[in-house]
Amino acid sequence: MGSVGTPVVRRMIDVADERHPREGLLASVGLSSGPTGVDWAGDSIDEEIYYGLLERIAGADDPGFPFRYAQALHPDDLGALGLVIKTAPTLRAALERLARYVLVLSDTLRYELIDQADGCIFALVGRPHHRLGAAIANECALAAATSVLRVIGGVRLEPTLVEFQHAAPGTDRHHVDFFGCPMRFEAAVNGIHVSERDLAHRALLADDGLSSYLLSQLEDLTARKARRSIVDDVRAAIADSLPDGQPSKSQIARRLAVSERTLHRQLADHDETFQEIATRARRDAAESLLTATGHSLADIAFLTGFSDQTAFTRAFKRWTGTTPAAFRDNRPLRPRPAATPLRTCDE
């Protein structure tokens, strides 16, 4: 199971609207209301708790939330990671550093820079799409990256295009106002397209000497965070692939850039099998969808990789001893969100 650094969580709670008292939100995720410093490495909350928090704060009726968060977030909120980004020589270097070291902030995030003829796509990859909270988190992440670039460059950077894999909301007015560019939903990738001219823009506080020192510190911190189990990586990759059907071991191995034999050996080192992890991922996704959305059982069967509702019902009863309908009836149901992602293609 992944985790998210508490500075991000606290900043999100800070910009929640008045319907959600700050003290109650902090308590709901196990955080105190006292002051915190920047020495936060290792302080985090579980990713499913994080997604649930976003669903409570924003749900389907506060589309401006990701952009309030992005505007409130400052590089200094991110401790050493923020300093490394601020002292990068150019905005491209800042994005490269964010992609390399974001693990210290959240192990639910993975970024890639995809070069194109006229710039690059700063792409967010690998996060599961089984619930509304993940879609909101994706919007927050790419909006925050854009906001950070604007701060460190001293310019209002505007991407040439922004894409999200989830379905379009009722209106994209908040998205267009913030990013200042066209939007595309139900896309193949979550990413911001940045021009070569903007990538070459020099950062206001570029400092090679300070950068060198900070990079050495982050390398050590990243190495410690990277020791998380291969089991977590496999589970996340499986969950993200489920809307396309249950993935095979070879597909997940390719996605994680390892051989199938290496993946089998690494899982065996943790006394796990691919099938056991896949089953847990499907069950977790099914329970989250039944609890947090109003999707039909047929939709949930599709999103969890089953060929039809009958197969899903049979498997769910085997896992839990009850039917999906009975499970849902015994859980508080939240309103169905208009923007809950239903992916139609892989990354």
Protein backbone atom coordinates (compact mmCIF):
# COMPACT_ATOMS: atom_id res chain seq x y z
CA MET A 1 0.00 0.00 0.00
CA GLY A 2 1.36 3.42 -0.95
CA SER A 3 1.57 6.55 1.17
CA VAL A 4 1.45 10.34 0.81
CA GLY A 5 3.54 12.88 2.71
CA THR A 6 1.66 14.87 5.32
CA PRO A 7 2.75 18.35 4.09
CA VAL A 8 0.65 17.74 0.98
CA VAL A 9 -2.25 16.46 3.06
CA ARG A 10 -2.12 19.42 5.46
CA ARG A 11 -2.04 21.95 2.62
CA MET A 12 -5.08 20.28 1.06
CA ILE A 13 -6.96 20.45 4.35
CA ASP A 14 -6.01 24.13 4.64
CA VAL A 15 -7.85 24.96 1.40
CA ALA A 16 -10.97 22.84 2.03
CA ASP A 17 -14.12 24.94 1.97
CA GLU A 18 -16.05 25.99 5.08
CA ARG A 19 -18.25 22.89 4.99
CA HIS A 20 -15.29 20.88 6.26
CA PRO A 21 -13.83 22.09 9.60
CA ARG A 22 -10.05 21.78 9.61
CA GLU A 23 -9.80 20.09 13.02
CA GLY A 24 -12.21 17.36 11.99
CA LEU A 25 -10.41 16.66 8.73
CA LEU A 26 -7.03 16.44 10.45
CA ALA A 27 -8.41 14.07 13.06
CA SER A 28 -10.04 11.90 10.38
CA VAL A 29 -6.59 11.04 8.96
CA GLY A 30 -4.80 10.82 12.30
CA LEU A 31 -3.00 14.17 12.19
CA SER A 32 -2.63 16.69 15.01
CA SER A 33 -3.53 20.35 14.65
CA GLY A 34 -0.25 21.59 16.10
CA PRO A 35 2.50 23.40 14.15
CA THR A 36 4.78 21.36 11.90
CA GLY A 37 8.22 22.03 10.47
CA VAL A 38 9.88 21.07 7.21
CA ASP A 39 11.69 18.05 8.65
CA TRP A 40 8.86 15.73 7.66
CA ALA A 41 10.67 12.87 5.88
CA GLY A 42 8.82 9.63 6.52
CA ASP A 43 5.70 11.32 7.89
CA SER A 44 2.84 10.09 5.72
CA ILE A 45 -0.64 8.61 5.54
CA ASP A 46 -1.94 5.57 3.67
CA GLU A 47 -2.99 6.22 0.05
CA GLU A 48 -6.54 4.87 0.47
CA ILE A 49 -7.06 7.17 3.46
CA TYR A 50 -5.71 10.00 1.28
CA TYR A 51 -8.13 9.23 -1.56
CA GLY A 52 -11.00 9.05 0.92
CA LEU A 53 -10.02 12.44 2.32
CA LEU A 54 -10.11 13.98 -1.17
CA GLU A 55 -13.53 12.48 -1.79
CA ARG A 56 -14.82 14.04 1.45
CA ILE A 57 -13.25 17.44 0.76
CA ALA A 58 -13.95 17.82 -2.96
CA GLY A 59 -16.23 14.98 -4.05
CA ALA A 60 -18.03 15.87 -7.26
CA ASP A 61 -19.22 19.32 -6.16
CA ASP A 62 -16.00 21.33 -5.63
CA PRO A 63 -14.19 21.31 -9.00
CA GLY A 64 -12.05 24.27 -8.01
CA PHE A 65 -10.40 22.43 -5.11
CA PRO A 66 -7.31 21.07 -6.96
CA PHE A 67 -6.47 24.57 -8.17
CA ARG A 68 -6.88 26.24 -4.77
CA TYR A 69 -4.50 23.61 -3.43
CA ALA A 70 -1.99 24.19 -6.24
CA GLN A 71 -2.02 27.95 -5.72
CA ALA A 72 -1.55 27.53 -1.96
CA LEU A 73 1.34 25.06 -2.29
CA HIS A 74 4.83 26.59 -2.23
CA PRO A 75 8.13 24.78 -2.93
CA ASP A 76 9.17 25.53 0.65
CA ASP A 77 6.33 23.29 1.84
CA LEU A 78 8.22 20.32 0.37
CA GLY A 79 11.37 20.59 2.48
CA ALA A 80 14.59 19.44 0.79
CA LEU A 81 12.66 18.40 -2.32
CA GLY A 82 11.36 21.94 -2.72
CA LEU A 83 14.85 23.41 -2.31
CA VAL A 84 16.28 21.08 -4.91
CA ILE A 85 13.58 22.14 -7.36
CA LYS A 86 14.01 25.86 -6.59
CA THR A 87 17.79 25.78 -7.17
CA ALA A 88 17.63 23.88 -10.46
CA PRO A 89 19.21 25.78 -13.39
CA THR A 90 16.15 25.61 -15.68
CA LEU A 91 12.50 24.60 -15.57
CA ARG A 92 13.36 21.40 -17.46
CA ALA A 93 15.90 20.53 -14.78
CA ALA A 94 13.30 21.31 -12.12
CA LEU A 95 10.87 18.83 -13.71
CA GLU A 96 13.62 16.23 -14.02
CA ARG A 97 14.37 16.60 -10.32
CA LEU A 98 10.72 16.40 -9.37
CA ALA A 99 10.39 13.20 -11.41
CA ARG A 100 13.49 11.66 -9.84
CA TYR A 101 12.88 12.56 -6.22
CA VAL A 102 9.09 12.69 -5.84
CA LEU A 103 9.35 9.35 -4.03
CA VAL A 104 10.34 11.21 -0.87
CA LEU A 105 6.98 12.98 -0.97
CA SER A 106 4.67 10.18 -2.09
CA ASP A 107 5.19 6.65 -3.33
CA THR A 108 1.82 6.79 -5.11
CA LEU A 109 3.40 9.14 -7.67
CA ARG A 110 5.68 8.43 -10.61
CA TYR A 111 6.51 11.03 -13.21
CA GLU A 112 8.10 10.71 -16.64
CA LEU A 113 9.33 13.34 -19.08
CA ILE A 114 8.28 12.30 -22.58
CA ASP A 115 10.26 14.32 -25.11
CA GLN A 116 8.53 15.68 -28.19
CA ALA A 117 9.72 17.78 -31.11
CA ASP A 118 8.46 21.02 -29.56
CA GLY A 119 8.99 20.27 -25.85
CA CYS A 120 7.91 17.47 -23.53
CA ILE A 121 4.99 15.92 -21.70
CA PHE A 122 5.40 15.86 -17.94
CA ALA A 123 3.38 12.70 -17.38
CA LEU A 124 1.96 11.24 -14.18
CA VAL A 125 1.95 7.45 -14.47
CA GLY A 126 1.26 4.39 -12.37
CA ARG A 127 -1.47 5.64 -10.02
CA PRO A 128 -4.57 3.39 -9.78
CA HIS A 129 -7.80 4.75 -11.24
CA HIS A 130 -10.34 2.75 -9.25
CA ARG A 131 -11.95 5.65 -7.40
CA LEU A 132 -12.79 9.35 -7.59
CA GLY A 133 -10.11 10.26 -5.04
CA ALA A 134 -7.38 9.12 -7.44
CA ALA A 135 -8.76 11.33 -10.23
CA ILE A 136 -8.83 14.32 -7.87
CA ALA A 137 -5.30 13.49 -6.72
CA ASN A 138 -4.10 13.45 -10.34
CA GLU A 139 -5.57 16.89 -10.95
CA CYS A 140 -3.95 18.16 -7.74
CA ALA A 141 -0.55 16.71 -8.72
CA LEU A 142 -0.38 18.23 -12.20
CA ALA A 143 -1.83 21.55 -11.05
CA ALA A 144 0.77 21.66 -8.25
CA ALA A 145 3.61 20.92 -10.68
CA THR A 146 2.43 23.80 -12.88
CA SER A 147 2.15 26.14 -9.90
CA VAL A 148 5.64 25.24 -8.66
CA LEU A 149 7.13 25.96 -12.10
CA ARG A 150 5.45 29.36 -12.08
CA VAL A 151 6.92 30.18 -8.66
CA ILE A 152 10.49 29.09 -9.37
CA GLY A 153 10.52 30.64 -12.86
CA GLY A 154 8.83 33.88 -11.89
CA VAL A 155 6.53 33.61 -14.92
CA ARG A 156 2.97 32.45 -15.51
CA LEU A 157 3.86 29.29 -17.37
CA GLU A 158 0.94 27.98 -19.44
CA PRO A 159 1.14 24.44 -20.84
CA THR A 160 0.22 24.00 -24.49
CA LEU A 161 -2.18 21.16 -23.55
CA VAL A 162 -3.24 19.30 -20.39
CA GLU A 163 -4.57 15.74 -20.52
CA PHE A 164 -6.30 13.53 -17.98
CA GLN A 165 -7.29 9.89 -18.24
CA HIS A 166 -10.51 10.33 -16.29
CA ALA A 167 -13.82 11.47 -17.71
CA ALA A 168 -14.56 15.15 -18.21
CA PRO A 169 -16.34 16.98 -15.39
CA GLY A 170 -19.57 18.87 -15.96
CA THR A 171 -17.49 21.95 -16.78
CA ASP A 172 -13.76 22.43 -17.37
CA ARG A 173 -13.93 26.16 -16.60
CA HIS A 174 -11.75 25.83 -13.49
CA HIS A 175 -9.20 23.77 -15.40
CA VAL A 176 -8.95 26.24 -18.29
CA ASP A 177 -8.79 29.24 -15.95
CA PHE A 178 -5.90 27.69 -14.03
CA PHE A 179 -3.83 26.07 -16.79
CA GLY A 180 -4.65 28.66 -19.48
CA CYS A 181 -4.70 26.10 -22.27
CA PRO A 182 -6.91 23.50 -23.96
CA MET A 183 -7.93 20.42 -21.95
CA ARG A 184 -8.36 16.80 -23.05
CA PHE A 185 -10.13 14.16 -20.95
CA GLU A 186 -10.32 10.37 -21.34
CA ALA A 187 -6.83 10.67 -22.80
CA ALA A 188 -4.08 8.05 -22.96
CA VAL A 189 -1.96 9.84 -20.36
CA ASN A 190 -2.19 12.23 -17.41
CA GLY A 191 0.20 15.00 -18.36
CA ILE A 192 1.03 18.63 -19.03
CA HIS A 193 2.61 19.57 -22.38
CA VAL A 194 5.38 22.15 -21.89
CA SER A 195 7.05 23.99 -24.77
CA GLU A 196 10.81 23.89 -25.33
CA ARG A 197 10.98 27.64 -24.77
CA ASP A 198 9.40 27.33 -21.32
CA LEU A 199 11.56 24.32 -20.44
CA ALA A 200 14.70 26.38 -21.16
CA HIS A 201 13.55 29.26 -18.91
CA ARG A 202 16.08 29.87 -16.12
CA ALA A 203 14.97 29.44 -12.51
CA LEU A 204 15.09 32.56 -10.33
CA LEU A 205 17.20 30.92 -7.59
CA ALA A 206 19.41 28.67 -9.72
CA ASP A 207 22.42 27.69 -7.58
CA ASP A 208 24.77 24.92 -8.69
CA GLY A 209 26.66 24.75 -5.40
CA LEU A 210 23.62 24.46 -3.17
CA SER A 211 21.99 22.08 -5.64
CA SER A 212 24.96 19.71 -5.46
CA TYR A 213 24.73 19.49 -1.67
CA LEU A 214 20.95 19.07 -1.63
CA LEU A 215 21.00 16.44 -4.37
CA SER A 216 23.35 14.28 -2.32
CA GLN A 217 20.96 14.48 0.62
CA LEU A 218 17.97 13.56 -1.51
CA GLU A 219 19.78 10.64 -3.12
CA ASP A 220 20.19 9.09 0.33
CA LEU A 221 16.60 9.81 1.33
CA THR A 222 15.27 8.45 -1.95
CA ALA A 223 17.29 5.27 -1.58
CA ARG A 224 15.77 4.67 1.85
CA LYS A 225 12.24 5.27 0.57
CA ALA A 226 12.85 3.05 -2.46
CA ARG A 227 13.25 0.00 -0.25
CA ARG A 228 9.49 -0.45 -0.22
CA SER A 229 8.37 -3.89 -1.29
CA ILE A 230 8.04 -4.94 -4.92
CA VAL A 231 4.65 -6.19 -3.75
CA ASP A 232 3.41 -2.57 -3.52
CA ASP A 233 4.60 -1.81 -7.05
CA VAL A 234 2.93 -4.91 -8.46
CA ARG A 235 -0.34 -4.19 -6.65
CA ALA A 236 -0.43 -0.58 -7.97
CA ALA A 237 0.32 -1.70 -11.52
CA ILE A 238 -2.39 -4.37 -11.39
CA ALA A 239 -4.98 -1.96 -9.98
CA ASP A 240 -4.26 0.58 -12.72
CA SER A 241 -4.65 -2.08 -15.43
CA LEU A 242 -7.89 -3.67 -14.22
CA PRO A 243 -10.28 -1.65 -16.42
CA ASP A 244 -8.59 -3.32 -19.40
CA GLY A 245 -9.09 -6.82 -17.91
CA GLN A 246 -7.00 -8.71 -15.38
CA PRO A 247 -3.37 -8.26 -16.49
CA SER A 248 -0.97 -11.17 -16.87
CA LYS A 249 2.29 -11.51 -15.01
CA SER A 250 4.21 -10.81 -18.23
CA GLN A 251 2.25 -7.58 -18.80
CA ILE A 252 3.01 -6.32 -15.30
CA ALA A 253 6.67 -7.33 -15.62
CA ARG A 254 6.96 -5.25 -18.79
CA ARG A 255 5.25 -2.33 -17.09
CA LEU A 256 7.75 -2.49 -14.21
CA ALA A 257 10.67 -2.93 -16.62
CA VAL A 258 11.79 -6.31 -15.24
CA SER A 259 11.77 -9.81 -16.69
CA GLU A 260 8.97 -12.17 -15.77
CA ARG A 261 11.50 -14.49 -14.13
CA THR A 262 12.93 -11.63 -12.03
CA LEU A 263 9.46 -10.57 -10.97
CA HIS A 264 8.60 -14.14 -9.93
CA ARG A 265 11.81 -14.38 -7.88
CA GLN A 266 11.31 -11.01 -6.18
CA LEU A 267 7.76 -11.88 -5.18
CA ALA A 268 8.89 -15.25 -3.89
CA ASP A 269 11.45 -13.44 -1.71
CA HIS A 270 8.44 -11.79 -0.02
CA ASP A 271 6.50 -15.07 0.21
CA GLU A 272 3.99 -13.73 -2.31
CA THR A 273 2.65 -14.88 -5.66
CA PHE A 274 1.39 -12.77 -8.53
CA GLN A 275 -2.05 -14.35 -8.34
CA GLU A 276 -2.41 -13.62 -4.60
CA ILE A 277 -1.55 -9.95 -5.17
CA ALA A 278 -3.89 -9.71 -8.16
CA THR A 279 -6.75 -11.15 -6.11
CA ARG A 280 -6.17 -8.66 -3.28
CA ALA A 281 -5.97 -5.76 -5.75
CA ARG A 282 -9.27 -6.74 -7.35
CA ARG A 283 -10.97 -7.21 -4.00
CA ASP A 284 -9.68 -3.87 -2.66
CA ALA A 285 -10.79 -2.08 -5.83
CA ALA A 286 -14.22 -3.73 -5.71
CA GLU A 287 -14.81 -2.83 -2.06
CA SER A 288 -13.70 0.78 -2.65
CA LEU A 289 -16.02 1.16 -5.63
CA LEU A 290 -18.96 -0.37 -3.79
CA THR A 291 -18.35 1.86 -0.78
CA ALA A 292 -17.40 5.17 -2.39
CA THR A 293 -19.33 5.34 -5.68
CA GLY A 294 -22.77 4.82 -7.13
CA HIS A 295 -21.56 2.81 -10.11
CA SER A 296 -23.74 -0.06 -11.22
CA LEU A 297 -22.57 -3.60 -10.43
CA ALA A 298 -21.95 -4.11 -14.15
CA ASP A 299 -19.65 -1.07 -14.24
CA ILE A 300 -17.77 -2.27 -11.16
CA ALA A 301 -17.35 -5.70 -12.72
CA PHE A 302 -15.75 -4.00 -15.74
CA LEU A 303 -13.52 -1.73 -13.63
CA THR A 304 -12.20 -4.69 -11.64
CA GLY A 305 -11.32 -6.73 -14.69
CA PHE A 306 -14.22 -9.19 -14.92
CA SER A 307 -15.86 -10.22 -18.17
CA ASP A 308 -19.37 -9.82 -16.78
CA GLN A 309 -21.38 -9.15 -13.63
CA THR A 310 -22.03 -12.84 -12.95
CA ALA A 311 -18.31 -13.66 -12.78
CA PHE A 312 -17.74 -10.63 -10.55
CA THR A 313 -20.55 -11.61 -8.16
CA ARG A 314 -19.29 -15.17 -7.91
CA ALA A 315 -15.71 -14.05 -7.14
CA PHE A 316 -16.81 -11.37 -4.65
CA LYS A 317 -18.91 -13.87 -2.73
CA ARG A 318 -15.94 -16.21 -2.59
CA TRP A 319 -13.74 -13.42 -1.20
CA THR A 320 -16.15 -11.97 1.36
CA GLY A 321 -18.92 -14.49 1.94
CA THR A 322 -21.53 -12.00 0.72
CA THR A 323 -22.76 -10.60 -2.58
CA PRO A 324 -21.68 -7.17 -3.92
CA ALA A 325 -25.25 -5.88 -3.49
CA ALA A 326 -25.42 -7.00 0.15
CA PHE A 327 -21.96 -5.53 0.82
CA ARG A 328 -23.07 -2.18 -0.61
CA ASP A 329 -26.31 -2.19 1.39
CA ASN A 330 -24.31 -2.49 4.60
CA ARG A 331 -22.01 0.45 3.78
CA PRO A 332 -22.74 4.21 3.70
CA LEU A 333 -23.10 5.19 0.05
CA ARG A 334 -21.72 8.44 -1.29
CA PRO A 335 -23.29 10.24 -4.27
CA ARG A 336 -22.12 9.06 -7.63
CA PRO A 337 -19.45 11.50 -8.92
CA ALA A 338 -19.71 12.78 -12.46
CA ALA A 339 -15.95 12.56 -12.96
CA THR A 340 -15.25 9.04 -11.69
CA PRO A 341 -12.70 7.68 -14.17
CA LEU A 342 -13.67 4.86 -16.52
CA ARG A 343 -10.51 4.30 -18.52
CA THR A 344 -10.75 3.00 -22.04
CA CYS A 345 -7.05 2.55 -22.80
CA ASP A 346 -3.74 1.84 -21.11
CA GLU A 347 -1.02 4.42 -20.57
